[in-house]
Amino acid sequence: MSDFRALFGAVPTVTAEAPGRVNLIGEHTDYNGGFVLPTAIPQRTRVELLPRNGSLVRVWSDVAPDAAKIESYAVGAEARRHNWLDYVQGVTALLIQARHAVRGFDARITSDVPLGSGLSSSASLTVSLMRALRIAFELALDDLTIARLGQSVENEFVGARVGIMDPMAASLADEHTALFLDARNLAYERVALPKGVELVVIHSGAVHRHSVGDYNTRRSECEEACRLLGVRQLRDVGTEDLGRTASLPAPLNRRARHVVTENARVLAAVEAMRTGDLDTLGRLFYASHDSMRDDYEVSIPEIDLLVELARPEKDVFGARLTGGGFGGSVVMLARTGLGRAAAERIAGSYRKRSNYQPKILVPAS
């Protein structure tokens, strides 16, 4: 792997990083003004950076299809290329739009957050880059502003209509607590992970892309459901209103039911975490997955297989698809010290029954 000096003939003056995230529960609720519960994972994106005079930006990334190539553009002249560089261009374009004084730079970006894994590799990239630019150019950016700008990069420049959860998690979450976030007002609280359990994250090997197709369709379906229900966001609909959502035309009735019940599951999960009720927490995981599979229809057979393989495992309390769906990863709640062994059994069975190679990301071997 090329180091910074080999790439750019100098040494970096700034380094910064940001984690990927796994969402414990609360999927597709953030852009509906609801509740989410992510936590950081050990995998991270790292940025080494050297400011330049002028507007030229040169960037190398180990996740680029052509890892031998340095991409370049000019600050203030960003134009979509429909590849990974758009996340970098989007950051400088939005910073300039927000009147932050950014000029050219050289950057080397490395990441061990798997692309298309449902673990927020894109938010990890945008947040780590903004952290580096904040240091390099002494920008007045707090962590919440970085998260907001990260969402805008994906919404306005990349074209992915993601919610606020991913950049908030990349900017504010840690590995020891869950970030209980109200996506409507961005109030958040760190909730300790329960004693006696550890997280398991398995990448299915089936990747997804947020910026295309079905993800944006789901968001449009929620907006149409809101229009028909006469509410601003599905957050404004409670479980007592499920009779109203049931009257919506298909599939809007199912989409709304998922969001409404998922918000309730997040609140119940936070309470279960606080009281250490692991059995209830596990049941909420499975119920969330079933809803994503049947009502929101964002799961795929391979993800469903991983979850089904977890159900008979005595050391696993619950499992569910994590992230936007259409591929990606599952998160499981396992007994402390026994998660890796359970994950290896599940991954081994999955490998035999699917055409994909799974990867156990958490816990580390």
Protein backbone atom coordinates (compact mmCIF):
# COMPACT_ATOMS: atom_id res chain seq x y z
CA MET A 1 0.00 0.00 0.00
CA SER A 2 1.44 3.39 -0.97
CA ASP A 3 2.29 5.69 1.93
CA PHE A 4 1.69 9.42 1.88
CA ARG A 5 5.25 10.38 0.96
CA ALA A 6 5.31 7.92 -1.94
CA LEU A 7 2.05 9.34 -3.24
CA PHE A 8 2.61 13.06 -2.79
CA GLY A 9 6.32 13.57 -2.12
CA ALA A 10 5.79 15.06 1.34
CA VAL A 11 4.55 14.13 4.79
CA PRO A 12 1.03 14.84 6.12
CA THR A 13 0.55 17.49 8.79
CA VAL A 14 -2.94 16.34 9.83
CA THR A 15 -4.47 12.96 10.61
CA ALA A 16 -8.07 12.25 11.59
CA GLU A 17 -10.44 9.29 11.70
CA ALA A 18 -14.06 8.33 12.27
CA PRO A 19 -15.72 4.98 13.01
CA GLY A 20 -18.22 2.95 11.10
CA ARG A 21 -21.41 2.18 12.97
CA VAL A 22 -23.82 -0.63 13.56
CA ASN A 23 -27.43 0.26 14.22
CA LEU A 24 -28.80 -1.83 17.06
CA ILE A 25 -32.42 -1.03 16.23
CA GLY A 26 -34.43 1.74 14.57
CA GLU A 27 -34.12 1.25 10.83
CA HIS A 28 -35.54 3.70 8.26
CA THR A 29 -36.92 5.76 11.12
CA ASP A 30 -34.43 8.64 11.06
CA TYR A 31 -35.67 10.26 7.85
CA ASN A 32 -39.18 9.85 9.23
CA GLY A 33 -38.32 11.97 12.28
CA GLY A 34 -38.14 8.98 14.60
CA PHE A 35 -35.76 7.25 16.98
CA VAL A 36 -32.56 5.29 16.33
CA LEU A 37 -30.01 3.45 18.44
CA PRO A 38 -26.59 3.07 16.74
CA THR A 39 -23.18 2.37 18.25
CA ALA A 40 -19.66 2.70 16.86
CA ILE A 41 -17.66 -0.30 15.66
CA PRO A 42 -13.88 -0.80 15.71
CA GLN A 43 -13.56 -0.42 11.92
CA ARG A 44 -12.64 3.13 10.95
CA THR A 45 -11.81 5.47 8.07
CA ARG A 46 -8.53 7.37 8.42
CA VAL A 47 -7.44 10.53 6.61
CA GLU A 48 -3.89 11.85 6.30
CA LEU A 49 -3.86 15.36 4.87
CA LEU A 50 -1.48 18.12 3.83
CA PRO A 51 -2.88 21.58 2.98
CA ARG A 52 -1.79 23.12 -0.34
CA ASN A 53 -1.67 26.63 -1.71
CA GLY A 54 -4.28 27.21 -4.39
CA SER A 55 -7.42 25.22 -5.08
CA LEU A 56 -6.07 21.87 -6.33
CA VAL A 57 -7.17 18.77 -4.40
CA ARG A 58 -5.38 15.47 -4.89
CA VAL A 59 -6.83 12.36 -3.23
CA TRP A 60 -5.85 8.72 -3.05
CA SER A 61 -7.97 6.01 -1.44
CA ASP A 62 -7.43 2.34 -0.83
CA VAL A 63 -11.13 1.72 -1.55
CA ALA A 64 -10.92 3.13 -5.07
CA PRO A 65 -11.30 0.59 -7.88
CA ASP A 66 -7.97 1.79 -9.28
CA ALA A 67 -5.83 2.04 -6.16
CA ALA A 68 -2.85 3.20 -8.22
CA LYS A 69 -4.61 6.37 -9.31
CA ILE A 70 -4.61 9.77 -7.64
CA GLU A 71 -7.85 11.65 -8.34
CA SER A 72 -7.87 15.43 -8.54
CA TYR A 73 -10.25 18.38 -8.81
CA ALA A 74 -10.37 22.06 -7.86
CA VAL A 75 -12.13 23.41 -4.78
CA GLY A 76 -15.03 25.51 -6.01
CA ALA A 77 -15.30 23.57 -9.27
CA GLU A 78 -16.69 20.29 -7.93
CA ALA A 79 -18.66 18.20 -10.43
CA ARG A 80 -20.24 14.80 -9.88
CA ARG A 81 -18.31 11.86 -11.27
CA HIS A 82 -20.64 9.22 -9.83
CA ASN A 83 -17.85 7.42 -8.01
CA TRP A 84 -16.20 7.46 -4.58
CA LEU A 85 -14.62 10.88 -5.18
CA ASP A 86 -18.07 12.48 -4.99
CA TYR A 87 -18.00 12.04 -1.20
CA VAL A 88 -14.79 14.10 -1.08
CA GLN A 89 -16.02 16.66 -3.59
CA GLY A 90 -19.30 16.93 -1.75
CA VAL A 91 -17.50 17.78 1.48
CA THR A 92 -15.55 20.69 -0.01
CA ALA A 93 -18.54 21.90 -2.03
CA LEU A 94 -20.80 22.00 1.04
CA LEU A 95 -18.11 23.62 3.20
CA ILE A 96 -17.62 26.36 0.61
CA GLN A 97 -21.40 26.77 0.36
CA ALA A 98 -21.48 27.23 4.15
CA ARG A 99 -18.78 29.93 3.81
CA HIS A 100 -15.94 27.98 5.37
CA ALA A 101 -12.48 28.91 4.10
CA VAL A 102 -11.21 25.75 2.43
CA ARG A 103 -8.42 25.55 -0.10
CA GLY A 104 -6.59 22.73 -1.85
CA PHE A 105 -4.98 19.76 -0.13
CA ASP A 106 -3.46 16.34 -0.64
CA ALA A 107 -5.22 13.47 1.16
CA ARG A 108 -4.62 9.78 1.63
CA ILE A 109 -7.74 7.90 2.74
CA THR A 110 -7.75 4.36 4.10
CA SER A 111 -10.63 2.42 5.56
CA ASP A 112 -11.43 -0.98 6.99
CA VAL A 113 -15.18 -0.29 7.05
CA PRO A 114 -16.41 -2.65 4.30
CA LEU A 115 -18.14 -0.92 1.42
CA GLY A 116 -21.80 -1.81 0.98
CA SER A 117 -21.86 -3.51 4.37
CA GLY A 118 -24.65 -1.44 5.93
CA LEU A 119 -22.09 -0.12 8.44
CA SER A 120 -21.93 3.46 7.19
CA SER A 121 -18.67 3.52 5.28
CA SER A 122 -19.76 6.71 3.52
CA ALA A 123 -20.50 8.66 6.72
CA SER A 124 -17.25 7.41 8.21
CA LEU A 125 -15.47 8.89 5.17
CA THR A 126 -17.20 12.28 5.18
CA VAL A 127 -16.85 12.75 8.94
CA SER A 128 -13.18 11.76 9.04
CA LEU A 129 -12.42 14.11 6.14
CA MET A 130 -14.24 17.02 7.77
CA ARG A 131 -12.37 16.36 11.00
CA ALA A 132 -9.10 16.57 9.09
CA LEU A 133 -10.14 19.76 7.28
CA ARG A 134 -11.32 21.28 10.57
CA ILE A 135 -7.78 20.91 11.92
CA ALA A 136 -5.98 21.85 8.71
CA PHE A 137 -7.88 25.06 8.06
CA GLU A 138 -9.01 25.89 11.63
CA LEU A 139 -12.67 25.63 10.68
CA ALA A 140 -15.41 26.52 13.18
CA LEU A 141 -17.11 23.13 13.00
CA ASP A 142 -18.53 21.32 16.01
CA ASP A 143 -19.40 17.63 15.91
CA LEU A 144 -23.10 18.24 15.37
CA THR A 145 -22.42 20.59 12.45
CA ILE A 146 -20.12 17.99 10.92
CA ALA A 147 -22.93 15.42 11.16
CA ARG A 148 -25.44 17.77 9.52
CA LEU A 149 -23.01 18.59 6.71
CA GLY A 150 -22.28 14.89 6.24
CA GLN A 151 -25.96 14.22 5.62
CA SER A 152 -26.12 17.14 3.19
CA VAL A 153 -23.15 15.77 1.24
CA GLU A 154 -25.00 12.52 0.60
CA ASN A 155 -28.42 14.13 0.03
CA GLU A 156 -27.40 17.07 -2.12
CA PHE A 157 -24.21 16.03 -3.87
CA VAL A 158 -24.07 12.23 -4.00
CA GLY A 159 -27.82 11.79 -4.47
CA ALA A 160 -28.50 9.36 -1.63
CA ARG A 161 -31.49 10.43 0.44
CA VAL A 162 -30.08 9.09 3.70
CA GLY A 163 -31.18 10.27 7.12
CA ILE A 164 -29.17 11.86 9.89
CA MET A 165 -28.34 8.70 11.84
CA ASP A 166 -25.17 7.63 10.01
CA PRO A 167 -23.25 10.92 10.23
CA MET A 168 -24.44 11.45 13.80
CA ALA A 169 -23.10 8.02 14.75
CA ALA A 170 -19.80 8.56 12.92
CA SER A 171 -19.39 11.95 14.60
CA LEU A 172 -20.73 11.28 18.11
CA ALA A 173 -20.96 7.55 18.89
CA ASP A 174 -18.46 5.39 20.76
CA GLU A 175 -17.94 1.64 21.12
CA HIS A 176 -19.05 1.42 24.75
CA THR A 177 -22.49 3.00 24.57
CA ALA A 178 -25.42 3.21 22.19
CA LEU A 179 -26.40 6.63 20.85
CA PHE A 180 -30.13 7.00 21.55
CA LEU A 181 -31.05 9.69 19.05
CA ASP A 182 -34.23 11.59 18.37
CA ALA A 183 -33.84 12.31 14.67
CA ARG A 184 -36.42 15.09 14.77
CA ASN A 185 -34.64 17.45 17.14
CA LEU A 186 -31.22 15.71 17.28
CA ALA A 187 -31.40 15.32 21.04
CA TYR A 188 -29.25 12.36 22.02
CA GLU A 189 -28.29 10.31 25.04
CA ARG A 190 -25.59 7.69 25.45
CA VAL A 191 -27.03 4.47 26.88
CA ALA A 192 -24.65 1.86 28.28
CA LEU A 193 -24.64 -1.52 26.57
CA PRO A 194 -26.10 -4.12 28.96
CA LYS A 195 -23.81 -6.26 31.06
CA GLY A 196 -23.48 -9.89 30.05
CA VAL A 197 -23.78 -9.33 26.29
CA GLU A 198 -21.54 -8.50 23.38
CA LEU A 199 -22.33 -7.50 19.85
CA VAL A 200 -21.79 -9.70 16.82
CA VAL A 201 -21.67 -8.20 13.34
CA ILE A 202 -21.49 -10.44 10.27
CA HIS A 203 -21.19 -9.03 6.76
CA SER A 204 -23.25 -11.20 4.43
CA GLY A 205 -20.98 -10.59 1.43
CA ALA A 206 -23.91 -9.12 -0.50
CA VAL A 207 -23.24 -5.40 -0.92
CA HIS A 208 -25.67 -2.53 -1.41
CA ARG A 209 -25.65 1.07 -2.62
CA HIS A 210 -27.80 3.76 -0.98
CA SER A 211 -27.68 6.20 -3.85
CA VAL A 212 -29.64 4.07 -6.26
CA GLY A 213 -33.09 2.60 -6.59
CA ASP A 214 -34.99 1.07 -3.76
CA TYR A 215 -33.65 3.08 -0.82
CA ASN A 216 -34.82 6.36 -2.33
CA THR A 217 -38.08 4.67 -3.33
CA ARG A 218 -38.79 3.75 0.29
CA ARG A 219 -38.32 7.33 1.36
CA SER A 220 -40.71 8.53 -1.35
CA GLU A 221 -43.28 5.94 -0.23
CA CYS A 222 -43.09 7.28 3.32
CA GLU A 223 -43.60 10.82 2.07
CA GLU A 224 -46.67 9.73 0.13
CA ALA A 225 -48.02 7.93 3.19
CA CYS A 226 -47.60 11.16 5.17
CA ARG A 227 -49.47 13.10 2.51
CA LEU A 228 -52.40 10.70 2.60
CA LEU A 229 -52.44 10.63 6.41
CA GLY A 230 -52.19 14.42 6.65
CA VAL A 231 -49.08 14.42 8.85
CA ARG A 232 -45.66 16.02 8.44
CA GLN A 233 -43.70 12.88 9.25
CA LEU A 234 -44.51 9.31 10.23
CA ARG A 235 -43.09 10.19 13.65
CA ASP A 236 -46.44 11.94 14.15
CA VAL A 237 -48.26 8.60 13.93
CA GLY A 238 -48.31 6.32 16.98
CA THR A 239 -49.17 2.66 17.51
CA GLU A 240 -52.66 3.79 18.53
CA ASP A 241 -53.06 5.00 14.93
CA LEU A 242 -52.26 1.68 13.23
CA GLY A 243 -55.88 1.43 12.17
CA ARG A 244 -55.37 4.55 10.07
CA THR A 245 -52.16 3.28 8.50
CA ALA A 246 -53.87 -0.01 7.65
CA SER A 247 -56.31 1.92 5.44
CA LEU A 248 -53.52 3.21 3.20
CA PRO A 249 -53.13 1.60 -0.22
CA ALA A 250 -50.52 -1.14 -0.51
CA PRO A 251 -47.58 -1.03 -0.07
CA LEU A 252 -47.83 2.29 1.79
CA ASN A 253 -49.80 0.62 4.59
CA ARG A 254 -46.92 -1.78 5.23
CA ARG A 255 -44.24 0.89 4.97
CA ALA A 256 -46.03 3.08 7.51
CA ARG A 257 -46.66 0.12 9.84
CA HIS A 258 -42.95 -0.66 9.89
CA VAL A 259 -41.94 2.89 10.79
CA VAL A 260 -44.58 3.26 13.48
CA THR A 261 -43.85 -0.07 15.14
CA GLU A 262 -40.09 0.36 14.75
CA ASN A 263 -40.18 3.64 16.65
CA ALA A 264 -42.01 1.84 19.46
CA ARG A 265 -39.40 -0.93 19.38
CA VAL A 266 -36.54 1.56 19.80
CA LEU A 267 -38.15 3.02 22.91
CA ALA A 268 -38.77 -0.46 24.29
CA ALA A 269 -35.19 -1.48 23.48
CA VAL A 270 -33.74 1.48 25.37
CA GLU A 271 -35.83 0.53 28.40
CA ALA A 272 -34.72 -3.10 28.11
CA MET A 273 -31.07 -2.00 27.94
CA ARG A 274 -31.46 0.14 31.04
CA THR A 275 -33.03 -2.70 33.02
CA GLY A 276 -30.81 -5.44 31.60
CA ASP A 277 -33.77 -7.35 30.17
CA LEU A 278 -31.83 -9.29 27.53
CA ASP A 279 -34.65 -11.64 26.56
CA THR A 280 -36.92 -8.71 25.70
CA LEU A 281 -34.12 -6.97 23.86
CA GLY A 282 -33.50 -10.10 21.80
CA ARG A 283 -37.18 -10.44 20.93
CA LEU A 284 -37.20 -6.81 19.78
CA PHE A 285 -34.26 -7.54 17.48
CA TYR A 286 -36.12 -10.41 15.81
CA ALA A 287 -39.37 -8.44 15.59
CA SER A 288 -37.50 -5.56 13.95
CA HIS A 289 -35.99 -7.89 11.36
CA ASP A 290 -39.35 -9.49 10.60
CA SER A 291 -40.83 -6.03 10.04
CA MET A 292 -38.00 -4.99 7.73
CA ARG A 293 -38.41 -8.21 5.78
CA ASP A 294 -42.19 -8.27 5.50
CA ASP A 295 -43.42 -4.68 5.84
CA TYR A 296 -40.52 -2.56 4.60
CA GLU A 297 -39.21 -5.21 2.21
CA VAL A 298 -35.56 -4.22 2.42
CA SER A 299 -34.10 -7.59 3.36
CA ILE A 300 -32.81 -10.24 0.96
CA PRO A 301 -32.74 -14.05 1.23
CA GLU A 302 -29.08 -14.11 2.29
CA ILE A 303 -29.69 -11.73 5.19
CA ASP A 304 -32.79 -13.67 6.19
CA LEU A 305 -30.71 -16.85 6.20
CA LEU A 306 -28.17 -15.36 8.62
CA VAL A 307 -30.95 -14.29 10.97
CA GLU A 308 -32.66 -17.69 10.80
CA LEU A 309 -29.36 -19.44 11.54
CA ALA A 310 -29.05 -17.31 14.67
CA ARG A 311 -32.46 -18.24 16.09
CA PRO A 312 -31.53 -21.72 17.41
CA GLU A 313 -28.24 -20.51 18.87
CA LYS A 314 -28.58 -20.62 22.67
CA ASP A 315 -25.89 -17.97 23.10
CA VAL A 316 -27.62 -15.47 20.78
CA PHE A 317 -30.47 -13.40 22.20
CA GLY A 318 -31.51 -11.74 18.97
CA ALA A 319 -30.45 -10.89 15.41
CA ARG A 320 -31.55 -8.48 12.72
CA LEU A 321 -30.60 -6.79 9.49
CA THR A 322 -28.72 -3.59 10.22
CA GLY A 323 -28.46 -0.61 7.91
CA GLY A 324 -30.49 0.41 4.89
CA GLY A 325 -30.95 -3.10 3.56
CA PHE A 326 -30.80 -4.73 0.13
CA GLY A 327 -27.68 -6.54 1.32
CA GLY A 328 -25.14 -5.66 3.97
CA SER A 329 -24.79 -7.02 7.48
CA VAL A 330 -26.63 -8.45 10.46
CA VAL A 331 -26.17 -7.45 14.08
CA MET A 332 -26.64 -9.98 16.86
CA LEU A 333 -26.77 -9.79 20.62
CA ALA A 334 -24.76 -12.63 22.18
CA ARG A 335 -23.57 -13.74 25.62
CA THR A 336 -20.30 -12.13 26.59
CA GLY A 337 -17.33 -14.22 25.53
CA LEU A 338 -19.42 -16.57 23.41
CA GLY A 339 -20.29 -14.32 20.49
CA ARG A 340 -17.28 -15.17 18.32
CA ALA A 341 -17.90 -18.92 18.56
CA ALA A 342 -21.59 -18.49 17.75
CA ALA A 343 -20.70 -16.21 14.83
CA GLU A 344 -18.28 -18.78 13.44
CA ARG A 345 -20.94 -21.51 13.59
CA ILE A 346 -23.48 -19.26 11.89
CA ALA A 347 -21.02 -18.08 9.25
CA GLY A 348 -19.95 -21.65 8.53
CA SER A 349 -23.53 -22.80 7.96
CA TYR A 350 -24.27 -19.71 5.88
CA ARG A 351 -21.22 -20.31 3.70
CA LYS A 352 -22.46 -23.81 2.88
CA ARG A 353 -26.00 -22.67 2.09
CA SER A 354 -25.36 -19.49 0.11
CA ASN A 355 -23.18 -18.28 -2.74
CA TYR A 356 -21.50 -15.66 -0.56
CA GLN A 357 -18.48 -15.50 1.70
CA PRO A 358 -19.45 -13.97 5.06
CA LYS A 359 -17.04 -11.98 7.20
CA ILE A 360 -17.23 -11.69 10.97
CA LEU A 361 -16.45 -8.07 11.73
CA VAL A 362 -17.32 -7.98 15.44
CA PRO A 363 -16.05 -9.36 17.75
CA ALA A 364 -12.50 -9.51 16.42
CA SER A 365 -10.81 -12.89 16.29
